[in-house]
């Protein structure tokens, strides 16, 4: 498990990303735009589900303090991103957590499947750091500060 903040119960952004470079770039982009102080990073679909449902190493996390947004890669080890999305959106307790797919996949099938499963937004990762950084900061600013949460 990769941890960016120490108190994982006070998370605004849950980053679900297995690629260390993409995770580092995302964290750097949030830090650059002063949005990274309450970000928590997990590396695979099992860790994501354990975090959301307060299981295993996250059993002491407060279930009633979900992240304000989940940034979800689709191509994950153990449990893929579409399955993580399906499980979260099918559970009445977690279905309102906003999920933004942030992935390198521009495949139409992935986009369609994600929206059918209830994703709130689908963003293809820009290739260069400047555009990637801007896209990530825009996502964070919108979902953490502008969007009205339940």
Protein backbone atom coordinates (compact mmCIF):
# COMPACT_ATOMS: atom_id res chain seq x y z
CA UNK A 1 0.00 0.00 0.00
CA UNK A 2 1.26 3.47 -0.89
CA UNK A 3 0.27 6.09 1.55
CA UNK A 4 0.38 9.80 0.92
CA UNK A 5 -1.42 11.00 4.03
CA UNK A 6 -1.10 9.43 7.44
CA UNK A 7 -4.71 9.66 8.63
CA UNK A 8 -6.56 7.73 5.93
CA UNK A 9 -9.94 8.53 7.50
CA UNK A 10 -9.73 12.17 6.45
CA UNK A 11 -9.40 11.71 2.70
CA UNK A 12 -10.73 14.06 0.05
CA UNK A 13 -9.25 12.15 -2.89
CA UNK A 14 -8.69 8.40 -3.18
CA UNK A 15 -6.24 7.70 -5.98
CA UNK A 16 -6.44 4.15 -7.34
CA UNK A 17 -3.43 3.79 -9.62
CA UNK A 18 -1.01 0.89 -10.10
CA UNK A 19 1.53 2.72 -12.27
CA UNK A 20 4.08 4.35 -9.92
CA UNK A 21 4.99 7.04 -12.45
CA UNK A 22 1.37 8.02 -13.08
CA UNK A 23 0.68 8.02 -9.33
CA UNK A 24 3.71 10.22 -8.67
CA UNK A 25 2.73 12.63 -11.46
CA UNK A 26 -0.82 12.83 -10.11
CA UNK A 27 0.37 13.50 -6.57
CA UNK A 28 2.85 16.13 -7.83
CA UNK A 29 0.09 17.83 -9.82
CA UNK A 30 -2.16 17.97 -6.76
CA UNK A 31 0.69 19.31 -4.62
CA UNK A 32 1.55 21.95 -7.22
CA UNK A 33 -2.03 23.22 -7.10
CA UNK A 34 -2.34 22.89 -3.29
CA UNK A 35 -4.86 20.03 -3.53
CA UNK A 36 -2.76 17.13 -2.31
CA UNK A 37 -2.92 17.45 1.44
CA UNK A 38 -5.77 14.91 1.81
CA UNK A 39 -5.02 12.42 -0.93
CA UNK A 40 -4.62 8.70 -0.27
CA UNK A 41 -3.10 6.34 -2.84
CA UNK A 42 -3.77 2.61 -3.26
CA UNK A 43 -2.17 0.42 -5.92
CA UNK A 44 -4.82 -2.09 -6.97
CA UNK A 45 -8.52 -2.87 -7.03
CA UNK A 46 -8.46 -5.02 -3.90
CA UNK A 47 -6.89 -2.21 -1.85
CA UNK A 48 -9.43 0.23 -3.27
CA UNK A 49 -12.36 -1.96 -2.23
CA UNK A 50 -10.79 -2.68 1.15
CA UNK A 51 -10.39 1.08 1.69
CA UNK A 52 -13.94 1.97 0.63
CA UNK A 53 -15.56 -0.85 2.61
CA UNK A 54 -13.23 -0.54 5.65
CA UNK A 55 -11.79 -4.04 5.42
CA UNK A 56 -8.41 -5.65 6.14
CA UNK A 57 -5.73 -2.97 6.77
CA UNK A 58 -8.45 -0.27 6.66
CA UNK A 59 -10.83 -1.91 9.15
CA UNK A 60 -10.36 0.99 11.60
CA UNK A 61 -11.25 3.65 9.03
CA UNK A 62 -14.56 5.45 9.59
CA UNK A 63 -16.99 4.17 6.95
CA UNK A 64 -19.03 7.36 7.36
CA UNK A 65 -16.12 9.49 6.11
CA UNK A 66 -15.82 8.47 2.45
CA UNK A 67 -13.54 10.33 0.05
CA UNK A 68 -15.05 13.27 -1.81
CA UNK A 69 -13.92 11.70 -5.07
CA UNK A 70 -12.23 8.52 -6.31
CA UNK A 71 -9.77 8.78 -9.20
CA UNK A 72 -9.83 5.31 -10.72
CA UNK A 73 -7.55 3.75 -13.29
CA UNK A 74 -9.18 0.96 -15.30
CA UNK A 75 -6.21 -1.32 -15.91
CA UNK A 76 -5.53 -2.51 -12.37
CA UNK A 77 -4.06 -5.72 -10.93
CA UNK A 78 -6.10 -8.13 -8.79
CA UNK A 79 -9.50 -6.49 -9.49
CA UNK A 80 -9.83 -4.29 -12.58
CA UNK A 81 -11.22 -0.76 -12.47
CA UNK A 82 -14.55 -1.61 -14.10
CA UNK A 83 -15.23 -4.22 -11.41
CA UNK A 84 -14.26 -1.75 -8.66
CA UNK A 85 -16.63 0.77 -10.22
CA UNK A 86 -19.44 -1.80 -10.45
CA UNK A 87 -19.08 -2.89 -6.83
CA UNK A 88 -19.01 0.66 -5.46
CA UNK A 89 -21.96 1.86 -7.57
CA UNK A 90 -24.11 -1.21 -6.81
CA UNK A 91 -23.83 -0.78 -3.04
CA UNK A 92 -26.46 1.59 -1.63
CA UNK A 93 -23.98 2.80 0.99
CA UNK A 94 -21.31 3.87 -1.51
CA UNK A 95 -23.08 4.54 -4.81
CA UNK A 96 -23.12 8.31 -4.32
CA UNK A 97 -19.32 8.61 -4.02
CA UNK A 98 -18.20 10.42 -7.20
CA UNK A 99 -15.85 8.35 -9.33
CA UNK A 100 -13.69 9.80 -12.09
CA UNK A 101 -12.01 7.31 -14.37
CA UNK A 102 -8.52 8.64 -15.09
CA UNK A 103 -6.96 6.19 -17.52
CA UNK A 104 -4.80 5.84 -20.61
CA UNK A 105 -7.56 3.87 -22.34
CA UNK A 106 -9.47 5.77 -24.99
CA UNK A 107 -11.27 2.61 -26.13
CA UNK A 108 -14.92 3.33 -26.82
CA UNK A 109 -15.98 0.12 -25.07
CA UNK A 110 -14.25 1.22 -21.84
CA UNK A 111 -15.95 4.63 -22.00
CA UNK A 112 -19.39 3.10 -22.65
CA UNK A 113 -18.98 0.41 -19.99
CA UNK A 114 -17.82 2.99 -17.44
CA UNK A 115 -20.84 5.23 -17.98
CA UNK A 116 -23.22 2.25 -17.92
CA UNK A 117 -21.79 1.34 -14.52
CA UNK A 118 -22.33 4.87 -13.18
CA UNK A 119 -19.01 6.69 -13.52
CA UNK A 120 -19.32 10.45 -13.01
CA UNK A 121 -16.61 11.40 -15.48
CA UNK A 122 -14.18 9.66 -17.86
CA UNK A 123 -10.85 11.32 -18.61
CA UNK A 124 -8.06 9.99 -20.80
CA UNK A 125 -4.68 10.85 -19.31
CA UNK A 126 -2.87 13.48 -21.36
CA UNK A 127 0.61 12.38 -22.46
CA UNK A 128 2.69 15.44 -21.51
CA UNK A 129 3.13 16.52 -17.88
CA UNK A 130 1.85 20.09 -18.28
CA UNK A 131 -1.50 18.97 -19.73
CA UNK A 132 -1.66 16.05 -17.30
CA UNK A 133 -1.02 18.39 -14.37
CA UNK A 134 -3.72 20.81 -15.52
CA UNK A 135 -6.26 18.02 -16.06
CA UNK A 136 -5.59 16.54 -12.61
CA UNK A 137 -5.75 19.90 -10.85
CA UNK A 138 -9.01 20.76 -12.63
CA UNK A 139 -10.48 17.43 -11.52
CA UNK A 140 -9.38 17.97 -7.94
CA UNK A 141 -10.57 21.55 -7.76
CA UNK A 142 -14.00 20.72 -9.15
CA UNK A 143 -14.69 17.61 -7.05
CA UNK A 144 -13.13 18.85 -3.80
CA UNK A 145 -14.16 22.51 -3.79
CA UNK A 146 -16.92 23.25 -6.31
CA UNK A 147 -19.05 20.11 -6.28
CA UNK A 148 -21.72 19.96 -3.57
CA UNK A 149 -21.31 16.75 -1.52
CA UNK A 150 -23.90 14.71 0.35
